[in-house]
N, C-alpha and C. Protein backbone atom coordinates (compact mmCIF):
# COMPACT_ATOMS: atom_id res chain seq x y z
N UNK A 1 102.61 107.89 95.81
CA UNK A 1 103.08 107.43 97.09
C UNK A 1 104.03 108.49 97.65
N UNK A 2 103.88 108.78 98.93
CA UNK A 2 104.70 109.81 99.57
C UNK A 2 105.15 109.35 100.95
N UNK A 3 106.23 109.94 101.43
CA UNK A 3 106.70 109.73 102.79
C UNK A 3 106.30 110.92 103.65
N UNK A 4 105.87 110.62 104.85
CA UNK A 4 105.55 111.67 105.82
C UNK A 4 106.49 111.48 107.00
N UNK A 5 107.27 112.52 107.30
CA UNK A 5 108.23 112.46 108.38
C UNK A 5 107.63 113.04 109.65
N UNK A 6 108.10 112.49 110.76
CA UNK A 6 107.72 113.01 112.05
C UNK A 6 108.76 112.64 113.08
N UNK A 7 108.82 113.40 114.14
CA UNK A 7 109.75 113.09 115.23
C UNK A 7 109.27 113.77 116.50
N UNK A 8 109.62 113.16 117.61
CA UNK A 8 109.33 113.72 118.92
C UNK A 8 110.42 113.28 119.87
N UNK A 9 110.39 113.80 121.05
CA UNK A 9 111.32 113.35 122.09
C UNK A 9 110.51 112.97 123.32
N UNK A 10 111.13 112.17 124.17
CA UNK A 10 110.52 111.80 125.44
C UNK A 10 111.37 112.37 126.57
N UNK A 11 110.73 112.60 127.70
CA UNK A 11 111.44 113.15 128.85
C UNK A 11 112.16 112.07 129.64
N UNK A 12 111.63 110.85 129.55
CA UNK A 12 112.23 109.74 130.27
C UNK A 12 111.87 108.43 129.57
N UNK A 13 112.64 107.40 129.84
CA UNK A 13 112.53 106.10 129.19
C UNK A 13 111.54 105.22 129.96
N UNK A 14 110.24 105.45 129.70
CA UNK A 14 109.17 104.69 130.37
C UNK A 14 108.10 104.36 129.32
N UNK A 15 107.63 103.14 129.31
CA UNK A 15 106.74 102.64 128.25
C UNK A 15 105.54 103.54 128.01
N UNK A 16 104.76 103.84 129.03
CA UNK A 16 103.55 104.65 128.84
C UNK A 16 103.87 106.02 128.27
N UNK A 17 104.96 106.61 128.72
CA UNK A 17 105.37 107.93 128.22
C UNK A 17 105.78 107.84 126.74
N UNK A 18 106.50 106.79 126.38
CA UNK A 18 106.90 106.59 124.98
C UNK A 18 105.66 106.44 124.10
N UNK A 19 104.70 105.62 124.53
CA UNK A 19 103.48 105.43 123.74
C UNK A 19 102.65 106.70 123.66
N UNK A 20 102.56 107.44 124.75
CA UNK A 20 101.78 108.68 124.75
C UNK A 20 102.35 109.69 123.77
N UNK A 21 103.66 109.90 123.81
CA UNK A 21 104.28 110.87 122.90
C UNK A 21 104.19 110.39 121.46
N UNK A 22 104.39 109.11 121.23
CA UNK A 22 104.33 108.59 119.86
C UNK A 22 102.91 108.65 119.32
N UNK A 23 101.95 108.32 120.13
CA UNK A 23 100.55 108.38 119.71
C UNK A 23 100.16 109.81 119.34
N UNK A 24 100.60 110.77 120.15
CA UNK A 24 100.30 112.18 119.86
C UNK A 24 100.94 112.60 118.54
N UNK A 25 102.18 112.17 118.30
CA UNK A 25 102.86 112.48 117.05
C UNK A 25 102.13 111.87 115.87
N UNK A 26 101.81 110.60 115.95
CA UNK A 26 101.11 109.93 114.84
C UNK A 26 99.75 110.57 114.57
N UNK A 27 99.02 110.88 115.62
CA UNK A 27 97.70 111.49 115.46
C UNK A 27 97.81 112.82 114.71
N UNK A 28 98.82 113.59 115.03
CA UNK A 28 98.99 114.87 114.33
C UNK A 28 99.43 114.66 112.89
N UNK A 29 100.30 113.69 112.65
CA UNK A 29 100.72 113.39 111.27
C UNK A 29 99.52 112.98 110.42
N UNK A 30 98.67 112.12 110.98
CA UNK A 30 97.48 111.63 110.28
C UNK A 30 96.50 112.78 110.01
N UNK A 31 96.26 113.59 111.03
CA UNK A 31 95.32 114.70 110.87
C UNK A 31 95.84 115.75 109.88
N UNK A 32 97.10 116.11 110.00
CA UNK A 32 97.67 117.15 109.14
C UNK A 32 97.67 116.75 107.67
N UNK A 33 97.70 115.44 107.41
CA UNK A 33 97.76 114.95 106.04
C UNK A 33 96.51 114.23 105.59
N UNK A 34 95.47 114.25 106.43
CA UNK A 34 94.19 113.62 106.10
C UNK A 34 94.38 112.17 105.62
N UNK A 35 95.10 111.39 106.40
CA UNK A 35 95.43 110.01 106.05
C UNK A 35 94.51 109.03 106.77
N UNK A 36 94.08 108.03 106.04
CA UNK A 36 93.30 106.93 106.59
C UNK A 36 94.20 105.70 106.69
N UNK A 37 93.92 104.79 107.62
CA UNK A 37 94.79 103.61 107.78
C UNK A 37 95.01 102.81 106.49
N UNK A 38 93.99 102.69 105.65
CA UNK A 38 94.16 101.88 104.44
C UNK A 38 95.02 102.56 103.37
N UNK A 39 95.40 103.81 103.59
CA UNK A 39 96.32 104.50 102.69
C UNK A 39 97.78 104.27 103.08
N UNK A 40 98.02 103.77 104.29
CA UNK A 40 99.37 103.65 104.81
C UNK A 40 100.00 102.35 104.32
N UNK A 41 101.12 102.46 103.62
CA UNK A 41 101.86 101.31 103.12
C UNK A 41 102.59 100.65 104.29
N UNK A 42 103.33 101.44 105.04
CA UNK A 42 104.02 100.97 106.24
C UNK A 42 104.54 102.18 107.02
N UNK A 43 104.93 101.93 108.27
CA UNK A 43 105.51 102.98 109.11
C UNK A 43 106.78 102.44 109.75
N UNK A 44 107.86 103.18 109.60
CA UNK A 44 109.12 102.88 110.26
C UNK A 44 109.30 103.81 111.44
N UNK A 45 109.69 103.25 112.56
CA UNK A 45 109.99 104.01 113.76
C UNK A 45 111.46 103.75 114.11
N UNK A 46 112.19 104.79 114.43
CA UNK A 46 113.53 104.61 114.97
C UNK A 46 113.61 105.34 116.29
N UNK A 47 114.47 104.83 117.15
CA UNK A 47 114.69 105.45 118.46
C UNK A 47 116.19 105.58 118.70
N UNK A 48 116.55 106.58 119.49
CA UNK A 48 117.93 106.70 119.92
C UNK A 48 118.21 105.60 120.94
N UNK A 49 119.46 105.30 121.15
CA UNK A 49 119.83 104.16 121.99
C UNK A 49 119.44 104.32 123.46
N UNK A 50 119.04 105.51 123.87
CA UNK A 50 118.61 105.73 125.25
C UNK A 50 117.12 105.45 125.47
N UNK A 51 116.45 104.95 124.44
CA UNK A 51 115.03 104.56 124.55
C UNK A 51 114.94 103.05 124.30
N UNK A 52 114.59 102.31 125.35
CA UNK A 52 114.47 100.87 125.20
C UNK A 52 113.39 100.26 126.10
N UNK A 53 112.54 101.10 126.67
CA UNK A 53 111.49 100.60 127.57
C UNK A 53 110.26 100.08 126.83
N UNK A 54 110.12 100.43 125.55
CA UNK A 54 108.94 100.01 124.79
C UNK A 54 109.19 100.22 123.30
N UNK A 55 108.42 99.50 122.50
CA UNK A 55 108.42 99.72 121.06
C UNK A 55 107.44 100.86 120.76
N UNK A 56 107.90 101.97 120.18
CA UNK A 56 106.97 103.05 119.88
C UNK A 56 105.92 102.66 118.84
N UNK A 57 106.19 101.67 118.03
CA UNK A 57 105.23 101.24 117.01
C UNK A 57 103.91 100.79 117.61
N UNK A 58 103.94 100.33 118.85
CA UNK A 58 102.69 99.91 119.50
C UNK A 58 101.68 101.05 119.56
N UNK A 59 102.16 102.27 119.56
CA UNK A 59 101.27 103.44 119.61
C UNK A 59 100.36 103.51 118.39
N UNK A 60 100.80 102.99 117.26
CA UNK A 60 99.95 103.00 116.06
C UNK A 60 98.69 102.18 116.29
N UNK A 61 98.81 101.11 117.04
CA UNK A 61 97.65 100.26 117.32
C UNK A 61 96.68 100.93 118.29
N UNK A 62 97.11 102.00 118.93
CA UNK A 62 96.28 102.72 119.89
C UNK A 62 95.48 103.85 119.24
N UNK A 63 95.73 104.13 117.97
CA UNK A 63 95.01 105.19 117.27
C UNK A 63 93.58 104.75 116.97
N UNK A 64 92.66 105.72 116.93
CA UNK A 64 91.29 105.36 116.54
C UNK A 64 91.24 104.89 115.08
N UNK A 65 90.41 103.95 114.80
CA UNK A 65 90.33 103.40 113.44
C UNK A 65 91.03 102.06 113.39
N UNK A 66 91.06 101.45 112.22
CA UNK A 66 91.64 100.12 112.09
C UNK A 66 93.09 100.19 111.61
N UNK A 67 93.99 100.32 112.55
CA UNK A 67 95.41 100.36 112.27
C UNK A 67 96.06 98.99 112.41
N UNK A 68 95.28 97.96 112.68
CA UNK A 68 95.84 96.64 112.96
C UNK A 68 96.50 95.99 111.75
N UNK A 69 96.17 96.44 110.54
CA UNK A 69 96.75 95.84 109.35
C UNK A 69 97.88 96.67 108.75
N UNK A 70 98.23 97.77 109.39
CA UNK A 70 99.33 98.60 108.91
C UNK A 70 100.65 98.00 109.38
N UNK A 71 101.55 97.63 108.46
CA UNK A 71 102.84 97.09 108.88
C UNK A 71 103.67 98.18 109.56
N UNK A 72 104.22 97.84 110.72
CA UNK A 72 105.07 98.77 111.46
C UNK A 72 106.38 98.06 111.83
N UNK A 73 107.44 98.84 111.96
CA UNK A 73 108.75 98.28 112.30
C UNK A 73 109.54 99.30 113.11
N UNK A 74 110.28 98.80 114.10
CA UNK A 74 111.14 99.65 114.92
C UNK A 74 112.60 99.30 114.68
N UNK A 75 113.46 100.30 114.84
CA UNK A 75 114.90 100.11 114.72
C UNK A 75 115.59 101.16 115.59
N UNK A 76 116.87 100.96 115.78
CA UNK A 76 117.67 101.90 116.55
C UNK A 76 118.38 102.85 115.60
N UNK A 77 118.40 104.12 115.95
CA UNK A 77 119.13 105.13 115.17
C UNK A 77 120.64 104.90 115.27
N UNK A 78 121.36 105.38 114.31
CA UNK A 78 122.82 105.38 114.37
C UNK A 78 123.23 106.28 115.53
N UNK A 79 124.09 105.81 116.43
CA UNK A 79 124.46 106.61 117.60
C UNK A 79 125.51 107.69 117.28
N UNK A 80 125.09 108.71 116.58
CA UNK A 80 125.98 109.80 116.19
C UNK A 80 126.30 110.65 117.42
N UNK A 81 127.58 110.95 117.65
CA UNK A 81 127.92 111.79 118.81
C UNK A 81 127.19 113.14 118.76
N UNK A 82 126.74 113.57 119.91
CA UNK A 82 126.06 114.86 120.10
C UNK A 82 124.72 114.97 119.37
N UNK A 83 124.13 113.84 118.99
CA UNK A 83 122.82 113.90 118.35
C UNK A 83 121.74 114.11 119.41
N UNK A 84 120.55 114.43 118.96
CA UNK A 84 119.44 114.71 119.85
C UNK A 84 119.11 113.47 120.68
N UNK A 85 119.11 113.58 122.01
CA UNK A 85 118.81 112.42 122.85
C UNK A 85 117.32 112.14 122.96
N UNK A 86 116.98 110.92 123.38
CA UNK A 86 115.61 110.48 123.66
C UNK A 86 114.65 110.84 122.52
N UNK A 87 115.06 110.53 121.31
CA UNK A 87 114.30 110.92 120.11
C UNK A 87 113.67 109.71 119.43
N UNK A 88 112.42 109.88 119.05
CA UNK A 88 111.67 108.89 118.27
C UNK A 88 111.40 109.52 116.91
N UNK A 89 111.85 108.85 115.86
CA UNK A 89 111.62 109.34 114.50
C UNK A 89 110.64 108.40 113.80
N UNK A 90 109.84 108.97 112.91
CA UNK A 90 108.82 108.19 112.20
C UNK A 90 108.90 108.52 110.71
N UNK A 91 108.79 107.48 109.89
CA UNK A 91 108.65 107.65 108.45
C UNK A 91 107.45 106.82 108.02
N UNK A 92 106.38 107.48 107.67
CA UNK A 92 105.17 106.81 107.20
C UNK A 92 105.12 106.92 105.68
N UNK A 93 104.97 105.80 105.02
CA UNK A 93 104.81 105.79 103.58
C UNK A 93 103.32 105.59 103.29
N UNK A 94 102.76 106.54 102.52
CA UNK A 94 101.32 106.52 102.28
C UNK A 94 101.01 106.62 100.79
N UNK A 95 99.89 106.02 100.40
CA UNK A 95 99.36 106.18 99.05
C UNK A 95 98.52 107.44 99.04
N UNK A 96 98.96 108.41 98.25
CA UNK A 96 98.25 109.69 98.15
C UNK A 96 98.57 110.36 96.84
N UNK A 97 97.68 111.20 96.40
CA UNK A 97 97.89 112.00 95.19
C UNK A 97 98.43 113.38 95.55
N UNK A 98 98.59 113.65 96.84
CA UNK A 98 99.09 114.94 97.30
C UNK A 98 100.55 115.10 96.86
N UNK A 99 100.91 116.28 96.40
CA UNK A 99 102.29 116.51 95.97
C UNK A 99 103.23 116.51 97.17
N UNK A 100 104.48 116.20 96.92
CA UNK A 100 105.46 116.18 98.02
C UNK A 100 105.57 117.55 98.67
N UNK A 101 105.35 118.59 97.92
CA UNK A 101 105.41 119.96 98.44
C UNK A 101 104.29 120.22 99.45
N UNK A 102 103.18 119.49 99.33
CA UNK A 102 102.03 119.73 100.21
C UNK A 102 101.92 118.74 101.37
N UNK A 103 102.86 117.82 101.48
CA UNK A 103 102.90 116.92 102.63
C UNK A 103 103.27 117.74 103.87
N UNK A 104 102.60 117.47 104.96
CA UNK A 104 102.86 118.18 106.22
C UNK A 104 103.63 117.26 107.17
N UNK A 105 104.90 117.53 107.33
CA UNK A 105 105.74 116.78 108.25
C UNK A 105 105.57 117.38 109.64
N UNK A 106 105.70 116.55 110.66
CA UNK A 106 105.39 116.99 112.02
C UNK A 106 106.56 116.70 112.95
N UNK A 107 107.03 117.73 113.61
CA UNK A 107 108.10 117.60 114.59
C UNK A 107 107.63 118.23 115.88
N UNK A 108 107.76 117.50 116.97
CA UNK A 108 107.25 117.96 118.27
C UNK A 108 108.37 117.94 119.32
N UNK A 109 108.08 118.60 120.43
CA UNK A 109 109.00 118.64 121.56
C UNK A 109 110.38 119.11 121.08
N UNK A 110 111.44 118.54 121.62
CA UNK A 110 112.80 118.96 121.22
C UNK A 110 113.15 118.56 119.79
N UNK A 111 112.38 117.67 119.19
CA UNK A 111 112.64 117.25 117.82
C UNK A 111 112.40 118.37 116.81
N UNK A 112 111.78 119.44 117.23
CA UNK A 112 111.61 120.61 116.35
C UNK A 112 112.98 121.06 115.84
N UNK A 113 114.02 120.86 116.64
CA UNK A 113 115.38 121.25 116.26
C UNK A 113 115.89 120.50 115.03
N UNK A 114 115.33 119.32 114.77
CA UNK A 114 115.80 118.51 113.66
C UNK A 114 115.51 119.13 112.31
N UNK A 115 114.30 119.66 112.15
CA UNK A 115 113.90 120.25 110.87
C UNK A 115 113.01 121.47 111.11
N UNK A 116 113.59 122.55 111.59
CA UNK A 116 112.76 123.74 111.84
C UNK A 116 112.09 124.26 110.56
N UNK A 117 112.68 123.96 109.42
CA UNK A 117 112.10 124.40 108.15
C UNK A 117 110.82 123.64 107.81
N UNK A 118 110.62 122.46 108.40
CA UNK A 118 109.42 121.67 108.12
C UNK A 118 108.45 121.64 109.29
N UNK A 119 108.78 122.31 110.36
CA UNK A 119 108.00 122.22 111.60
C UNK A 119 106.72 123.02 111.51
N UNK A 120 105.64 122.38 111.93
CA UNK A 120 104.34 123.03 112.00
C UNK A 120 104.43 124.19 112.98
N UNK A 121 103.97 125.31 112.58
CA UNK A 121 104.05 126.50 113.42
C UNK A 121 102.94 126.55 114.45
N UNK A 122 103.16 127.30 115.51
CA UNK A 122 102.16 127.46 116.57
C UNK A 122 100.86 127.98 115.97
N UNK A 123 99.76 127.57 116.53
CA UNK A 123 98.46 128.01 116.05
C UNK A 123 97.88 127.11 114.98
N UNK A 124 98.60 126.06 114.62
CA UNK A 124 98.06 125.08 113.69
C UNK A 124 98.17 125.46 112.23
N UNK A 125 98.95 126.49 111.90
CA UNK A 125 99.07 126.83 110.48
C UNK A 125 100.52 126.62 110.03
N UNK A 126 100.71 126.73 108.74
CA UNK A 126 102.03 126.57 108.16
C UNK A 126 102.47 127.89 107.53
N UNK A 127 102.12 128.97 108.21
CA UNK A 127 102.36 130.31 107.65
C UNK A 127 103.82 130.53 107.30
N UNK A 128 104.71 130.18 108.20
CA UNK A 128 106.13 130.42 107.95
C UNK A 128 106.60 129.64 106.73
N UNK A 129 106.17 128.39 106.62
CA UNK A 129 106.56 127.56 105.49
C UNK A 129 106.00 128.14 104.19
N UNK A 130 104.75 128.56 104.23
CA UNK A 130 104.12 129.13 103.03
C UNK A 130 104.79 130.43 102.63
N UNK A 131 105.16 131.26 103.61
CA UNK A 131 105.84 132.52 103.31
C UNK A 131 107.18 132.25 102.65
N UNK A 132 107.92 131.26 103.17
CA UNK A 132 109.23 130.96 102.61
C UNK A 132 109.10 130.45 101.17
N UNK A 133 108.03 129.75 100.84
CA UNK A 133 107.80 129.29 99.47
C UNK A 133 107.60 130.47 98.54
N UNK A 134 106.88 131.49 99.00
CA UNK A 134 106.60 132.66 98.17
C UNK A 134 107.86 133.46 97.89
N UNK A 135 108.84 133.42 98.82
CA UNK A 135 110.05 134.19 98.66
C UNK A 135 111.00 133.57 97.66
N UNK A 136 110.84 132.28 97.38
CA UNK A 136 111.77 131.58 96.49
C UNK A 136 111.51 131.93 95.06
């Protein structure tokens, strides 16, 4: 069992925009880790206090495939001063034999600032991450 992290930001607090960004994030997390809905134990979504127009978890139900039985939950992030605004964070727990080192975490939009060391690089590869592993 492994956790897959993801995060994105929204430009404004509007339901369709929240679902669009969250759906895009989830789709990339699923694709990058070759995850099927029946492998997902549950998904936690958190939002900063400036996002309240919609539950981002609804975006999971919009993915292709049968996501209707995946437990999802939303919560509010701790309002830490000077933290990244308009941010949606995701923690998906999945059943997989993949090592934690090979899990692909996904950060999009301004959320790239949260974990640049885990961020998928432009062009769809993880070259920077792989290079840093070789240097250790």
